[in-house]
Protein backbone atom coordinates (compact mmCIF):
# COMPACT_ATOMS: atom_id res chain seq x y z
CA MET A 1 4.61 18.22 -18.88
CA THR A 2 7.12 15.61 -17.70
CA PRO A 3 5.89 13.69 -14.63
CA CYS A 4 7.67 14.49 -11.37
CA GLN A 5 9.35 11.48 -9.75
CA LEU A 6 10.69 11.38 -6.19
CA SER A 7 12.66 8.72 -4.30
CA ILE A 8 11.72 8.38 -0.63
CA PRO A 9 13.75 6.36 1.92
CA LEU A 10 11.53 4.46 4.39
CA VAL A 11 12.91 3.11 7.66
CA ARG A 12 9.67 1.62 8.98
CA ALA A 13 5.93 2.18 8.78
CA ALA A 14 2.69 1.41 10.61
CA ALA A 15 -0.97 1.42 9.58
CA TRP A 16 -4.08 1.23 11.74
CA PHE A 17 -7.74 0.74 10.82
CA GLU A 18 -10.79 1.08 13.03
CA GLU A 19 -12.17 -2.18 11.62
CA GLU A 20 -10.55 -5.13 9.91
CA PRO A 21 -10.22 -4.06 6.26
CA ALA A 22 -12.50 -5.78 3.76
CA ASP A 23 -9.48 -5.89 1.45
CA SER A 24 -7.37 -8.59 3.11
CA ARG A 25 -4.16 -7.19 1.57
CA LEU A 26 -4.41 -4.11 3.80
CA ALA A 27 -4.45 -6.26 6.94
CA VAL A 28 -1.08 -7.92 6.34
CA SER A 29 2.16 -6.81 8.00
CA HIS A 30 5.14 -7.24 5.70
CA GLY A 31 8.58 -5.76 5.12
CA VAL A 32 8.88 -2.58 7.17
CA LEU A 33 5.08 -2.19 7.51
CA ASP A 34 3.15 -3.10 10.69
CA SER A 35 -0.64 -3.26 10.23
CA ALA A 36 -3.29 -3.44 12.95
CA TRP A 37 -7.00 -2.81 13.47
CA GLY A 38 -9.47 -2.63 16.32
CA GLU A 39 -8.82 -0.72 19.51
CA PRO A 40 -5.74 1.53 19.09
CA VAL A 41 -2.95 0.91 21.60
CA VAL A 42 -2.55 4.17 23.53
CA GLY A 43 -1.90 2.85 27.03
CA PHE A 44 1.35 4.80 27.11
CA VAL A 45 -0.72 8.02 27.38
CA GLU A 46 -1.66 9.26 30.85
CA PRO A 47 -5.37 8.58 31.58
CA LEU A 48 -6.20 12.29 31.93
CA GLN A 49 -4.64 13.04 28.54
CA ARG A 50 -6.09 9.90 27.00
CA ARG A 51 -9.64 11.07 27.70
CA ARG A 52 -9.00 14.16 25.59
CA LEU A 53 -7.94 12.15 22.55
CA SER A 54 -10.41 11.86 19.69
CA ARG A 55 -10.70 8.72 17.55
CA LEU A 56 -8.45 10.35 14.97
CA ALA A 57 -5.85 11.26 17.60
CA ARG A 58 -5.82 7.73 19.01
CA GLY A 59 -5.10 6.33 15.55
CA PHE A 60 -2.34 8.90 15.11
CA PHE A 61 -0.75 8.02 18.47
CA HIS A 62 -1.02 4.28 17.81
CA CYS A 63 0.91 4.50 14.54
CA ALA A 64 3.37 7.23 15.55
CA LYS A 65 4.48 5.29 18.64
CA ARG A 66 5.33 2.26 16.53
CA VAL A 67 7.70 4.04 14.17
CA SER A 68 9.00 7.15 15.96
CA PRO A 69 12.59 6.99 17.25
CA VAL A 70 13.55 8.11 20.74
CA GLY A 71 14.34 11.81 21.05
CA ASP A 72 13.41 14.86 19.02
CA VAL A 73 12.16 14.06 15.52
CA ARG A 74 10.73 16.38 12.90
CA LEU A 75 7.05 15.68 12.34
CA VAL A 76 4.71 16.22 9.39
CA PHE A 77 1.02 15.59 10.05
CA ALA A 78 -1.53 15.43 7.23
CA SER A 79 -5.29 15.01 7.31
CA ARG A 80 -7.85 15.90 4.68
CA HIS A 81 -10.65 16.71 7.11
CA GLY A 82 -8.95 16.81 10.51
CA GLU A 83 -11.21 16.89 13.56
CA ALA A 84 -14.46 17.00 11.57
CA GLU A 85 -16.73 15.99 14.47
CA ARG A 86 -15.36 18.77 16.66
CA THR A 87 -15.57 21.27 13.79
CA LEU A 88 -19.22 20.34 13.25
CA ALA A 89 -19.96 20.83 16.96
CA ILE A 90 -18.48 24.34 16.77
CA LEU A 91 -20.54 25.16 13.69
CA GLN A 92 -23.69 23.93 15.43
CA ASP A 93 -22.92 26.14 18.45
CA LEU A 94 -22.42 29.13 16.17
CA ALA A 95 -25.68 28.40 14.32
CA ALA A 96 -27.49 28.27 17.67
CA GLN A 97 -25.76 31.52 18.72
CA ALA A 98 -24.25 29.66 21.67
CA GLU A 99 -20.84 30.33 23.16
CA VAL A 100 -18.11 28.19 21.63
CA SER A 101 -16.08 26.19 24.11
CA PRO A 102 -12.42 27.33 24.11
CA THR A 103 -11.34 23.75 24.79
CA LEU A 104 -13.40 22.44 21.90
CA PHE A 105 -11.93 25.08 19.60
CA SER A 106 -8.34 24.44 20.68
CA MET A 107 -8.77 20.70 20.07
CA SER A 108 -10.33 21.25 16.62
CA VAL A 109 -7.51 23.18 14.95
CA HIS A 110 -5.46 21.26 12.42
CA ASN A 111 -2.22 21.15 14.42
CA ALA A 112 -3.88 20.12 17.71
CA VAL A 113 -3.15 16.39 17.39
CA PRO A 114 0.57 16.69 16.51
CA GLY A 115 0.81 19.36 19.20
CA LEU A 116 -0.49 16.91 21.81
CA TRP A 117 1.97 14.32 20.52
CA SER A 118 4.91 16.71 20.84
CA ILE A 119 3.90 17.51 24.45
CA LEU A 120 3.57 13.83 25.33
CA GLU A 121 6.93 12.96 23.79
CA GLY A 122 8.71 16.13 24.93
CA ASN A 123 9.56 16.63 21.27
CA ARG A 124 10.96 20.11 20.50
CA ALA A 125 11.59 19.49 16.79
CA PRO A 126 9.63 21.40 14.09
CA ILE A 127 6.08 20.33 13.21
CA SER A 128 4.10 20.90 10.01
CA ALA A 129 0.34 20.30 9.58
CA VAL A 130 -0.93 19.81 6.03
CA ALA A 131 -4.41 19.75 4.44
CA ALA A 132 -4.58 19.67 0.63
CA GLY A 133 -7.99 18.33 -0.36
CA PRO A 134 -8.19 14.90 -1.98
CA GLU A 135 -4.40 14.87 -2.55
CA THR A 136 -3.54 15.50 1.10
CA PHE A 137 -1.66 12.23 1.58
CA GLY A 138 0.59 12.85 -1.43
CA TRP A 139 1.38 16.47 -0.63
CA GLY A 140 2.00 15.63 3.01
CA LEU A 141 4.55 13.06 1.87
CA VAL A 142 6.17 15.69 -0.37
CA GLU A 143 6.41 18.00 2.66
CA ALA A 144 8.02 15.23 4.70
CA LEU A 145 10.56 14.49 1.95
CA ALA A 146 11.41 18.20 1.67
CA ALA A 147 12.05 18.31 5.42
CA PHE A 148 14.27 15.24 5.18
CA ARG A 149 16.26 16.59 2.24
CA ALA A 150 16.85 19.84 4.12
CA GLU A 151 18.61 17.84 6.85
CA PRO A 152 19.18 14.24 5.73
CA SER A 153 21.20 13.35 8.81
CA ALA A 154 18.01 13.25 10.92
CA PRO A 155 14.80 11.23 10.30
CA VAL A 156 11.36 12.71 9.64
CA LEU A 157 8.12 11.22 10.97
CA TYR A 158 5.15 11.51 8.59
CA VAL A 159 1.68 10.67 9.90
CA TYR A 160 -1.54 10.74 7.88
CA ALA A 161 -4.84 10.25 9.72
CA ASP A 162 -8.48 10.73 8.78
CA ASP A 163 -11.85 9.96 10.35
CA ARG A 164 -15.27 9.32 8.88
CA LEU A 165 -17.10 12.50 7.99
CA PRO A 166 -20.29 13.27 9.93
CA ALA A 167 -23.38 11.89 8.20
CA CYS A 168 -24.72 15.38 7.42
CA TRP A 169 -21.81 15.94 5.01
CA ALA A 170 -22.14 12.59 3.24
CA GLN A 171 -23.84 14.07 0.17
CA ALA A 172 -20.92 16.45 -0.44
CA GLN A 173 -18.05 14.02 0.19
CA PRO A 174 -17.60 10.26 0.67
CA ARG A 175 -17.67 9.58 4.40
CA GLY A 176 -14.40 7.63 4.23
CA SER A 177 -13.05 5.41 6.99
CA LEU A 178 -11.18 5.94 10.23
CA HIS A 179 -7.54 5.01 9.69
CA ALA A 180 -3.98 6.24 10.24
CA LEU A 181 -0.62 5.65 8.58
CA ALA A 182 2.85 6.57 9.86
CA LEU A 183 6.05 6.53 7.79
CA LEU A 184 9.53 7.18 9.14
CA LEU A 185 11.78 8.68 6.47
CA GLY A 186 15.52 8.27 6.98
CA GLU A 187 18.71 6.39 6.38
CA PRO A 188 19.57 3.56 6.35
CA ALA A 189 16.31 2.83 4.56
CA GLY A 190 14.53 -0.50 4.93
CA GLN A 191 12.72 0.11 1.65
CA ARG A 192 12.71 2.68 -1.14
CA LEU A 193 9.50 4.30 -2.29
CA THR A 194 9.24 5.92 -5.73
CA MET A 195 6.40 8.44 -5.97
CA THR A 196 5.34 9.83 -9.34
CA TRP A 197 3.00 12.77 -9.93
CA ASP A 198 1.67 13.45 -13.44
CA VAL A 199 -0.27 16.71 -13.71
CA SER A 200 -1.26 15.98 -17.34
CA ARG A 201 -3.80 13.34 -16.25
CA THR A 202 -6.67 14.46 -14.03
CA GLY A 203 -10.09 13.22 -13.00
CA PRO A 204 -12.88 13.65 -10.44
CA ASP A 205 -12.33 13.09 -6.73
CA PRO A 206 -12.04 9.28 -6.35
CA ALA A 207 -14.09 7.39 -3.78
CA THR A 208 -10.92 5.85 -2.33
CA CYS A 209 -8.52 8.17 -0.52
CA GLN A 210 -4.85 8.28 -1.48
CA SER A 211 -3.57 6.64 1.69
CA ILE A 212 -5.68 3.51 1.15
CA HIS A 213 -4.62 3.36 -2.50
CA PHE A 214 -0.99 3.72 -1.40
CA LEU A 215 -1.34 0.77 0.99
CA ARG A 216 -2.86 -1.33 -1.77
CA ALA A 217 0.10 -0.52 -3.98
CA TRP A 218 2.37 -1.63 -1.17
CA ALA A 219 0.59 -4.95 -0.66
CA GLN A 220 3.33 -7.30 -1.86
CA GLY A 221 3.07 -6.17 -5.45
CA GLU A 222 -0.48 -7.48 -5.81
CA PRO A 223 -3.19 -5.59 -7.78
CA CYS A 224 -4.40 -2.38 -6.14
CA GLY A 225 -7.41 -1.57 -8.33
CA HIS A 226 -10.96 -2.45 -7.36
CA GLY A 227 -13.16 -0.99 -10.08
CA ALA A 228 -15.64 1.58 -8.82
CA GLU A 229 -14.27 1.27 -5.28
CA CYS A 230 -10.96 2.63 -6.56
CA GLY A 231 -12.34 5.57 -8.57
CA GLY A 232 -13.78 3.50 -11.41
CA LEU A 233 -10.37 2.42 -12.73
CA PRO A 234 -9.87 -1.07 -14.18
CA GLU A 235 -8.01 -3.86 -12.44
CA ALA A 236 -4.25 -3.42 -12.80
CA GLY A 237 -0.95 -3.92 -11.02
CA PRO A 238 0.54 -1.91 -8.15
CA ASP A 239 1.59 0.88 -10.54
CA LEU A 240 -2.06 1.76 -11.21
CA PRO A 241 -2.21 5.49 -10.51
CA TRP A 242 -4.62 7.27 -8.20
CA VAL A 243 -6.16 9.94 -10.46
CA GLY A 244 -7.66 13.05 -8.89
CA PRO A 245 -8.35 16.70 -9.66
CA GLY A 246 -4.68 17.66 -9.34
CA GLY A 247 -3.14 14.83 -11.33
CA ALA A 248 -2.24 11.14 -11.31
CA TRP A 249 -0.22 9.77 -8.38
CA CYS A 250 1.63 6.47 -8.38
CA TRP A 251 3.68 4.70 -5.71
CA GLN A 252 6.11 1.83 -6.23
CA LEU A 253 8.30 0.15 -3.66
CA GLY A 254 11.51 -1.66 -4.37
């Protein structure tokens, strides 16, 4: 099967990490990308609303605010696990046969975070929320590109965010790291991203999530492979694909 290749116009982008990345390439702002770590900047949110924001939501807001234009903008949100801590709390209440908090439930659903963002921004444009297993970042980006191509005169905001999994799930999945990434798709583009998906090459779920691999590929054309840390693949250039159960994904900027 011939690999699928897509061209994505990027206006600007932002990445946020809970802690300074061990890989120094991820901590560098360059081109249209703004990188930060530490306490997310969410002072623009009213204190009452701010207290309701989870760690994942704060990362989302931090990045989205840096790239989103003024006015209504179509939004695609993607997260592999979403509000895992809140989901676990609900499951524990159910196991104890306790009443589930309506507030906890409403804040745990997958579109809760982009919904809060749309309320804060007064944004009436369409919103999509995507979860697609280990390939969530890639398929969320495909969804964002589809939205842009449907109406190329208006930009599309794509935000990927994920938190660490609770420790009790660590044996089933890598715990991951708390981080967020926002991309604004539109014209005129500050940079062009070519994304390739090859379904003929598959492998087990890598230890490194797609979004981190994508940022490594972006890091000024330097190598993005780190042996076992990057799914056991050998050192290679920025075109080294991320190989998962659904295929091999590759990102190149130019």
